Amino acid sequence: MKSVDLIGVGMTKFGKHPDETGRDLLVKAMEDAVSHVDKGIDIKKDIKALFVGYFTPELFEHQGHIGTLAAEWLGLSGIPAFRTESACASSSAALATGYWAVASGMYDLVMVSGVEKMTNLDTTGVTDALSIAADNVFELPAGITFPGLFALMAQEYFEKYNGSWEDLQAVTLKNHYNGSLNPKAQFHAEIASIAKKIAVKKGVTFKDDMDFLKSKYNPLVAYPLRLFDCSPISDGASVAFLASSEISNRFTDKPLHVKGVGLGTDTIAVSGRPDLTTSKGTVNAANAAYKMAGVTPDDIDIAEVHDCFTINEVILSEDLGFFERGKGLKGAMEGRTSLSGDKPLNTDGGLKSKGHPVGATGIAMIHEIWLQLRGEAGERQVKGSPKLGLTCNVGGSTASSMVFILERGEK
């Protein structure tokens, strides 16, 4: 197996893009990625294969055959190209596939990408489209949705570890603060700023952030989760270039080495799990990635984890070994996961604030690790020159999990 490097990563701004299709967003993300290849790249000459993560283009854009379509629009027609799908982890599946393609020696440089164009549908339509990642026999007929599934996880976590919704708001506040420092975030604002705008518009007052978060302007979605516990409906795309370490110095002197790759699965129906506060898929994926990289959770300097709902950041922080069981929520409350904490999580705002165009999320996480490890994250840059970064992207109710460990490299 050959060693593999990241030589460039890019993404669009996440949010609403009413005048652009998924293919348009992919082009924009690729252009951004090209601009981040230090020594330049000739996409028509250098890229040997293309992998595109897109969860459900058939429902969002009435479009299939995404690999070939993307190759055409990206100016790569003629090379091998196909789509990967693993619900919200679809672009991490593209990343894993691209990694294997290079590590095996089949290709020396590939493009991996992700996209989702969700705002073509209204909220009801999006909820229905996303629901196909749940179990259509044992869950959906009961009327459950993903907010409901993660709400059940929150209820069990609070009961088991003596937590509360108020405690969980440490994650909401942190991620919105981080998102306020990220120009590509859909919610480029702290909770206090959002509350102030609503106060002016509605002629109301809030004593503080928590007063706003408890108000009717943060309505209950699925008990105990409220609106600002949930990631938004988003459009966006992300792109990365993977190259064999043997040739990566042709493109950059500051690559990121792919040190660890781990994948795992759990039951799709959460009713089949003995404990809703953990996922064996994530635990297995993390253990595999740590073993491959030869590191432990304590060695990780910074991580991007899948906070589709605030409770999931807490659960994943424990599944990944950053905190003991039942201590992840306390860690967030104590500021340990903040930009200045000892285990910074979701420095770009996470899915909660940055946005969650589901097919693009995995590689968007890689984008943040790319910036942080290279010291290019601007106002949200973590101090101390982080060397090891981790991403954990999950699909559905953490039924599929994909973990990548990246190391800052210099040649």
Protein backbone atom coordinates (compact mmCIF):
# COMPACT_ATOMS: atom_id res chain seq x y z
CA MET A 1 0.00 0.00 0.00
CA LYS A 2 1.28 3.44 -0.94
CA SER A 3 1.09 6.38 1.47
CA VAL A 4 -1.43 9.05 0.46
CA ASP A 5 -1.42 12.84 0.87
CA LEU A 6 -3.95 15.63 0.61
CA ILE A 7 -2.57 18.30 -1.70
CA GLY A 8 -5.52 20.69 -1.91
CA VAL A 9 -9.02 21.14 -0.46
CA GLY A 10 -11.82 23.59 -1.25
CA MET A 11 -15.51 24.23 -0.68
CA THR A 12 -18.31 26.62 -1.45
CA LYS A 13 -20.03 28.76 1.12
CA PHE A 14 -22.80 26.67 2.67
CA GLY A 15 -26.36 27.99 2.70
CA LYS A 16 -29.01 28.72 0.11
CA HIS A 17 -27.93 28.84 -3.55
CA PRO A 18 -31.24 29.31 -5.41
CA ASP A 19 -29.66 30.10 -8.76
CA GLU A 20 -27.21 27.20 -8.88
CA THR A 21 -27.50 23.47 -9.42
CA GLY A 22 -25.48 20.78 -7.70
CA ARG A 23 -23.19 20.58 -10.73
CA ASP A 24 -22.60 24.35 -10.56
CA LEU A 25 -21.66 24.08 -6.89
CA LEU A 26 -19.18 21.29 -7.66
CA VAL A 27 -17.45 23.50 -10.21
CA LYS A 28 -17.15 26.29 -7.63
CA ALA A 29 -15.75 23.93 -5.00
CA MET A 30 -13.23 22.53 -7.47
CA GLU A 31 -12.08 26.02 -8.42
CA ASP A 32 -11.56 26.78 -4.72
CA ALA A 33 -9.62 23.55 -4.24
CA VAL A 34 -7.40 24.31 -7.26
CA SER A 35 -6.60 27.71 -5.72
CA HIS A 36 -5.33 25.92 -2.60
CA VAL A 37 -2.81 23.72 -4.43
CA ASP A 38 0.40 25.58 -3.62
CA LYS A 39 2.32 24.77 -6.79
CA GLY A 40 -0.67 24.50 -9.09
CA ILE A 41 -2.48 21.59 -10.69
CA ASP A 42 -3.60 20.84 -14.25
CA ILE A 43 -6.89 19.09 -13.67
CA LYS A 44 -7.19 17.68 -17.20
CA LYS A 45 -3.68 16.28 -17.11
CA ASP A 46 -3.21 15.30 -13.47
CA ILE A 47 -6.54 13.92 -12.24
CA LYS A 48 -6.93 10.25 -13.10
CA ALA A 49 -10.30 9.42 -11.46
CA LEU A 50 -13.25 11.19 -9.86
CA PHE A 51 -15.45 10.15 -6.92
CA VAL A 52 -18.56 12.15 -6.01
CA GLY A 53 -20.52 11.81 -2.79
CA TYR A 54 -24.19 12.80 -3.20
CA PHE A 55 -26.83 11.29 -0.94
CA THR A 56 -30.07 11.69 -2.87
CA PRO A 57 -29.84 13.67 -6.13
CA GLU A 58 -32.83 11.74 -7.49
CA LEU A 59 -35.12 13.44 -4.96
CA PHE A 60 -33.43 16.83 -4.62
CA GLU A 61 -32.68 17.43 -8.32
CA HIS A 62 -34.44 14.61 -10.17
CA GLN A 63 -31.01 13.60 -11.44
CA GLY A 64 -29.08 10.36 -11.41
CA HIS A 65 -25.87 9.28 -13.16
CA ILE A 66 -23.96 11.78 -11.06
CA GLY A 67 -20.40 10.55 -11.64
CA THR A 68 -20.48 10.97 -15.39
CA LEU A 69 -22.43 14.22 -15.15
CA ALA A 70 -19.92 15.68 -12.69
CA ALA A 71 -16.97 14.64 -14.86
CA GLU A 72 -18.52 16.47 -17.81
CA TRP A 73 -19.19 19.69 -15.91
CA LEU A 74 -15.79 19.68 -14.23
CA GLY A 75 -14.01 19.34 -17.57
CA LEU A 76 -12.92 15.78 -16.82
CA SER A 77 -15.05 13.82 -19.26
CA GLY A 78 -13.35 10.58 -20.24
CA ILE A 79 -11.85 9.56 -16.89
CA PRO A 80 -13.38 6.96 -14.54
CA ALA A 81 -16.05 8.67 -12.43
CA PHE A 82 -18.81 7.48 -10.15
CA ARG A 83 -20.98 8.45 -7.22
CA THR A 84 -20.71 7.14 -3.65
CA GLU A 85 -23.63 7.09 -1.21
CA SER A 86 -23.67 6.56 2.54
CA ALA A 87 -26.36 9.00 3.66
CA CYS A 88 -24.75 12.00 5.42
CA ALA A 89 -21.33 10.33 5.10
CA SER A 90 -21.50 10.16 1.29
CA SER A 91 -18.45 12.36 0.64
CA SER A 92 -16.46 10.52 3.29
CA ALA A 93 -17.29 7.40 1.28
CA ALA A 94 -15.86 9.21 -1.76
CA LEU A 95 -12.78 10.08 0.27
CA ALA A 96 -12.32 6.49 1.43
CA THR A 97 -12.77 5.18 -2.11
CA GLY A 98 -10.30 7.71 -3.46
CA TYR A 99 -7.84 6.82 -0.73
CA TRP A 100 -8.03 3.13 -1.62
CA ALA A 101 -7.61 3.95 -5.32
CA VAL A 102 -4.35 5.81 -4.66
CA ALA A 103 -3.05 3.58 -1.85
CA SER A 104 -3.51 0.51 -4.04
CA GLY A 105 -1.38 2.04 -6.77
CA MET A 106 -4.26 2.06 -9.27
CA TYR A 107 -4.02 5.85 -9.69
CA ASP A 108 -1.48 8.41 -8.50
CA LEU A 109 -3.86 11.39 -8.18
CA VAL A 110 -7.65 11.52 -7.84
CA MET A 111 -10.34 14.05 -7.06
CA VAL A 112 -12.86 13.32 -4.32
CA SER A 113 -15.89 15.50 -3.78
CA GLY A 114 -19.30 15.90 -2.20
CA VAL A 115 -22.41 17.89 -2.97
CA GLU A 116 -26.02 18.28 -1.94
CA LYS A 117 -28.58 20.71 -3.34
CA MET A 118 -31.30 20.51 -0.69
CA THR A 119 -33.21 23.79 -0.89
CA ASN A 120 -35.05 22.79 -4.07
CA LEU A 121 -37.53 21.14 -1.68
CA ASP A 122 -39.49 22.61 1.22
CA THR A 123 -38.94 21.42 4.78
CA THR A 124 -41.48 18.61 4.42
CA GLY A 125 -39.85 17.43 1.21
CA VAL A 126 -36.36 17.53 2.73
CA THR A 127 -37.54 15.61 5.79
CA ASP A 128 -39.01 12.95 3.53
CA ALA A 129 -35.87 12.76 1.37
CA LEU A 130 -33.59 12.38 4.37
CA SER A 131 -35.86 9.79 5.94
CA ILE A 132 -34.83 7.15 3.42
CA ALA A 133 -31.57 6.84 5.38
CA ALA A 134 -33.65 5.40 8.24
CA ASP A 135 -35.28 1.95 8.29
CA ASN A 136 -38.37 1.90 6.09
CA VAL A 137 -39.71 -1.27 7.72
CA PHE A 138 -39.07 -0.85 11.43
CA GLU A 139 -38.86 2.95 11.96
CA LEU A 140 -40.56 5.11 9.35
CA PRO A 141 -44.02 3.48 9.60
CA ALA A 142 -44.06 4.59 13.26
CA GLY A 143 -43.72 8.21 12.15
CA ILE A 144 -40.19 8.73 13.43
CA THR A 145 -37.88 11.31 11.83
CA PHE A 146 -34.21 12.04 12.40
CA PRO A 147 -34.91 14.84 14.91
CA GLY A 148 -37.01 12.28 16.77
CA LEU A 149 -34.29 9.63 16.68
CA PHE A 150 -31.63 11.98 18.03
CA ALA A 151 -34.11 13.30 20.58
CA LEU A 152 -34.40 9.75 21.90
CA MET A 153 -30.61 9.62 22.18
CA ALA A 154 -30.65 12.90 24.13
CA GLN A 155 -33.35 11.64 26.48
CA GLU A 156 -31.41 8.47 27.23
CA TYR A 157 -28.14 10.37 27.67
CA PHE A 158 -29.69 12.84 30.12
CA GLU A 159 -31.34 10.03 32.06
CA LYS A 160 -28.23 7.87 32.16
CA TYR A 161 -25.69 10.59 32.95
CA ASN A 162 -27.78 13.19 34.79
CA GLY A 163 -27.60 15.87 32.09
CA SER A 164 -30.09 18.44 30.85
CA TRP A 165 -31.05 20.41 27.77
CA GLU A 166 -29.67 23.53 29.45
CA ASP A 167 -26.30 21.82 29.77
CA LEU A 168 -26.39 20.92 26.07
CA GLN A 169 -26.58 24.57 25.07
CA ALA A 170 -22.84 24.82 25.69
CA VAL A 171 -22.48 23.05 22.33
CA THR A 172 -24.94 25.38 20.58
CA LEU A 173 -23.24 28.52 21.90
CA LYS A 174 -19.74 27.26 21.12
CA ASN A 175 -20.49 26.21 17.57
CA HIS A 176 -22.30 29.42 16.72
CA TYR A 177 -19.36 31.39 18.08
CA ASN A 178 -16.98 29.36 15.92
CA GLY A 179 -19.30 29.79 12.94
CA SER A 180 -19.25 33.56 13.43
CA LEU A 181 -15.53 33.39 12.61
CA ASN A 182 -16.05 31.30 9.46
CA PRO A 183 -16.98 33.29 6.33
CA LYS A 184 -18.20 30.11 4.62
CA ALA A 185 -20.66 29.23 7.39
CA GLN A 186 -24.38 29.34 6.71
CA PHE A 187 -24.99 30.89 10.14
CA HIS A 188 -22.13 33.36 10.30
CA ALA A 189 -23.32 34.68 13.66
CA GLU A 190 -23.20 34.08 17.39
CA ILE A 191 -26.42 33.26 19.23
CA ALA A 192 -26.34 36.72 20.83
CA SER A 193 -26.34 38.35 17.39
CA ILE A 194 -29.24 36.21 16.18
CA ALA A 195 -31.19 37.00 19.36
CA LYS A 196 -30.54 40.74 18.90
CA LYS A 197 -31.89 40.70 15.34
CA ILE A 198 -35.02 38.86 16.42
CA ALA A 199 -35.48 41.23 19.37
CA VAL A 200 -35.35 44.27 17.08
CA LYS A 201 -37.63 42.69 14.48
CA LYS A 202 -40.24 41.42 16.95
CA GLY A 203 -40.00 44.19 19.53
CA VAL A 204 -39.06 41.84 22.36
CA THR A 205 -36.19 41.65 24.83
CA PHE A 206 -34.05 38.78 26.09
CA LYS A 207 -32.13 38.86 29.36
CA ASP A 208 -29.32 36.74 27.96
CA ASP A 209 -28.52 33.98 25.47
CA MET A 210 -30.27 31.31 27.53
CA ASP A 211 -33.40 33.45 27.81
CA PHE A 212 -33.52 33.54 24.01
CA LEU A 213 -32.81 29.82 23.65
CA LYS A 214 -35.71 29.05 26.00
CA SER A 215 -38.10 31.37 24.16
CA LYS A 216 -40.73 30.63 21.53
CA TYR A 217 -38.24 31.84 18.92
CA ASN A 218 -36.32 28.63 19.53
CA PRO A 219 -39.27 26.24 19.27
CA LEU A 220 -39.31 22.62 20.33
CA VAL A 221 -38.67 20.26 17.41
CA ALA A 222 -38.56 16.88 19.15
CA TYR A 223 -38.28 16.85 22.92
CA PRO A 224 -35.83 17.84 24.30
CA LEU A 225 -34.24 19.22 21.11
CA ARG A 226 -35.14 22.70 19.89
CA LEU A 227 -34.55 24.49 16.61
CA PHE A 228 -31.02 25.66 17.46
CA ASP A 229 -30.05 22.11 18.40
CA CYS A 230 -30.59 21.08 14.76
CA SER A 231 -28.40 21.57 11.71
CA PRO A 232 -30.05 23.56 8.90
CA ILE A 233 -31.15 22.67 5.38
CA SER A 234 -28.23 23.64 3.16
CA ASP A 235 -26.76 23.69 -0.33
CA GLY A 236 -23.04 23.29 -0.89
CA ALA A 237 -20.12 21.32 -2.30
CA SER A 238 -16.60 20.35 -1.26
CA VAL A 239 -13.58 18.97 -3.12
CA ALA A 240 -10.20 17.48 -2.23
CA PHE A 241 -7.25 16.17 -4.24
CA LEU A 242 -5.49 12.98 -3.09
CA ALA A 243 -2.05 12.08 -4.39
CA SER A 244 0.50 9.39 -3.79
CA SER A 245 3.18 10.66 -1.39
CA GLU A 246 5.69 9.76 -4.11
CA ILE A 247 4.47 12.66 -6.26
CA SER A 248 2.79 15.06 -3.81
CA ASN A 249 5.87 17.31 -3.63
CA ARG A 250 5.14 18.28 -7.24
CA PHE A 251 2.07 20.09 -5.93
CA THR A 252 2.89 21.28 -2.41
CA ASP A 253 5.59 21.33 0.23
CA LYS A 254 2.91 21.30 2.96
CA PRO A 255 0.72 18.25 2.32
CA LEU A 256 -1.44 16.53 4.89
CA HIS A 257 -0.61 12.85 5.28
CA VAL A 258 -3.56 10.48 5.54
CA LYS A 259 -2.41 8.54 8.60
CA GLY A 260 -5.52 6.63 9.57
CA VAL A 261 -8.76 5.48 7.93
CA GLY A 262 -11.52 3.68 9.80
CA LEU A 263 -15.05 2.71 8.80
CA GLY A 264 -17.82 1.03 10.74
CA THR A 265 -21.55 0.34 10.84
CA ASP A 266 -24.32 -0.08 13.37
CA THR A 267 -27.96 -1.13 13.03
CA ILE A 268 -29.96 1.28 10.86
CA ALA A 269 -32.97 0.98 13.18
CA VAL A 270 -31.98 2.38 16.57
CA SER A 271 -34.49 0.01 18.16
CA GLY A 272 -31.90 -2.70 17.53
CA ARG A 273 -29.30 -1.05 19.76
CA PRO A 274 -28.95 -1.88 23.44
CA ASP A 275 -27.62 1.62 24.24
CA LEU A 276 -28.61 4.81 22.38
CA THR A 277 -25.73 6.79 23.88
CA THR A 278 -23.08 5.10 21.76
CA SER A 279 -22.58 3.62 18.29
CA LYS A 280 -20.48 0.52 17.79
CA GLY A 281 -19.92 1.72 14.21
CA THR A 282 -18.17 4.86 15.42
CA VAL A 283 -16.21 3.01 18.10
CA ASN A 284 -15.03 0.44 15.54
CA ALA A 285 -14.17 3.11 12.96
CA ALA A 286 -12.21 5.14 15.51
CA ASN A 287 -10.30 2.14 16.82
CA ALA A 288 -9.35 1.11 13.28
CA ALA A 289 -8.16 4.62 12.42
CA TYR A 290 -6.14 4.96 15.64
CA LYS A 291 -4.52 1.56 15.09
CA MET A 292 -3.61 2.37 11.49
CA ALA A 293 -2.17 5.77 12.46
CA GLY A 294 -0.37 4.41 15.52
CA VAL A 295 -1.87 7.07 17.79
CA THR A 296 -4.34 7.39 20.66
CA PRO A 297 -7.22 9.82 21.26
CA ASP A 298 -4.90 11.87 23.49
CA ASP A 299 -2.63 12.53 20.50
CA ILE A 300 -5.38 14.25 18.48
CA ASP A 301 -4.99 18.04 18.56
CA ILE A 302 -8.23 19.02 16.83
CA ALA A 303 -11.31 17.26 15.50
CA GLU A 304 -14.38 17.80 13.36
CA VAL A 305 -17.30 15.64 14.51
CA HIS A 306 -20.78 15.17 13.10
CA ASP A 307 -23.04 17.47 15.13
CA CYS A 308 -26.16 17.10 12.96
CA PHE A 309 -27.85 17.59 16.35
CA THR A 310 -26.04 19.02 19.36
CA ILE A 311 -26.34 15.79 21.35
CA ASN A 312 -24.38 13.93 18.68
CA GLU A 313 -21.27 16.03 19.22
CA VAL A 314 -21.33 14.95 22.86
CA ILE A 315 -21.92 11.26 22.07
CA LEU A 316 -19.23 11.18 19.38
CA SER A 317 -16.72 12.92 21.64
CA GLU A 318 -17.06 9.90 23.94
CA ASP A 319 -17.16 7.26 21.19
CA LEU A 320 -13.92 8.71 19.81
CA GLY A 321 -12.27 8.40 23.21
CA PHE A 322 -11.81 12.12 23.89
CA PHE A 323 -13.86 11.85 27.10
CA GLU A 324 -14.91 9.05 29.40
CA ARG A 325 -18.48 7.77 29.13
CA GLY A 326 -20.86 10.36 30.50
CA LYS A 327 -18.19 13.08 30.68
CA GLY A 328 -18.50 14.58 27.18
CA LEU A 329 -21.27 16.99 28.15
CA LYS A 330 -19.30 18.18 31.16
CA GLY A 331 -16.27 18.68 28.92
CA ALA A 332 -18.30 20.96 26.64
CA MET A 333 -19.67 22.90 29.61
CA GLU A 334 -16.17 23.41 30.98
CA GLY A 335 -14.97 24.85 27.66
CA ARG A 336 -12.62 21.97 26.93
CA THR A 337 -13.98 21.67 23.36
CA SER A 338 -13.76 25.41 22.61
CA LEU A 339 -11.11 27.05 20.44
CA SER A 340 -8.94 27.58 23.51
CA GLY A 341 -9.70 24.21 25.11
CA ASP A 342 -7.49 21.13 25.23
CA LYS A 343 -9.67 19.26 22.69
CA PRO A 344 -11.12 21.77 20.20
CA LEU A 345 -14.13 20.36 18.34
CA ASN A 346 -15.88 21.81 15.28
CA THR A 347 -13.74 24.92 15.02
CA ASP A 348 -15.52 25.91 11.81
CA GLY A 349 -18.94 25.98 13.50
CA GLY A 350 -19.75 22.35 12.82
CA LEU A 351 -22.83 21.21 10.96
CA LYS A 352 -24.89 23.22 13.41
CA SER A 353 -23.57 26.61 12.32
CA LYS A 354 -21.53 25.98 9.15
CA GLY A 355 -24.45 24.10 7.54
CA HIS A 356 -25.10 20.54 6.48
CA PRO A 357 -25.55 19.88 2.75
CA VAL A 358 -25.38 16.23 3.63
CA GLY A 359 -23.38 14.88 0.68
CA ALA A 360 -20.75 17.61 1.07
CA THR A 361 -20.22 17.44 4.82
CA GLY A 362 -17.43 14.85 5.10
CA ILE A 363 -14.96 16.62 2.83
CA ALA A 364 -16.01 19.99 4.28
CA MET A 365 -14.73 18.62 7.61
CA ILE A 366 -11.46 17.76 5.87
CA HIS A 367 -11.34 21.36 4.59
CA GLU A 368 -11.29 22.70 8.16
CA ILE A 369 -8.58 20.27 9.25
CA TRP A 370 -6.58 21.31 6.16
CA LEU A 371 -6.74 24.97 7.19
CA GLN A 372 -6.04 24.34 10.87
CA LEU A 373 -3.04 22.03 10.41
CA ARG A 374 -1.51 24.42 7.87
CA GLY A 375 -2.09 27.42 10.18
CA GLU A 376 -4.46 29.08 7.71
CA ALA A 377 -7.75 29.23 9.67
CA GLY A 378 -7.59 32.95 10.40
CA GLU A 379 -9.51 34.22 13.44
CA ARG A 380 -10.47 30.71 14.50
CA GLN A 381 -6.96 29.29 14.24
CA VAL A 382 -6.17 26.96 17.13
CA LYS A 383 -3.01 27.96 18.98
CA GLY A 384 -0.01 25.71 19.41
CA SER A 385 0.54 24.55 15.81
CA PRO A 386 -1.76 21.50 15.79
CA LYS A 387 -0.18 18.51 14.09
CA LEU A 388 -2.83 15.76 14.17
CA GLY A 389 -6.45 16.27 13.15
CA LEU A 390 -9.41 13.90 13.00
CA THR A 391 -12.76 13.90 11.23
CA CYS A 392 -15.74 11.75 12.18
CA ASN A 393 -18.59 11.82 9.66
CA VAL A 394 -21.65 9.62 10.19
CA GLY A 395 -24.63 8.57 8.09
CA GLY A 396 -28.21 8.34 9.30
CA SER A 397 -28.56 7.76 13.03
CA THR A 398 -24.81 6.95 13.19
CA ALA A 399 -25.57 3.72 11.33
CA SER A 400 -22.45 4.32 9.24
CA SER A 401 -19.32 6.01 10.58
CA MET A 402 -16.12 7.10 8.87
CA VAL A 403 -13.04 8.39 10.68
CA PHE A 404 -9.93 9.93 9.11
CA ILE A 405 -6.74 10.99 10.86
CA LEU A 406 -4.55 13.57 9.12
CA GLU A 407 -1.04 14.71 9.97
CA ARG A 408 0.66 17.97 9.07
CA GLY A 409 3.52 17.20 6.76
CA GLU A 410 6.43 19.20 5.49
CA LYS A 411 8.89 18.23 2.78
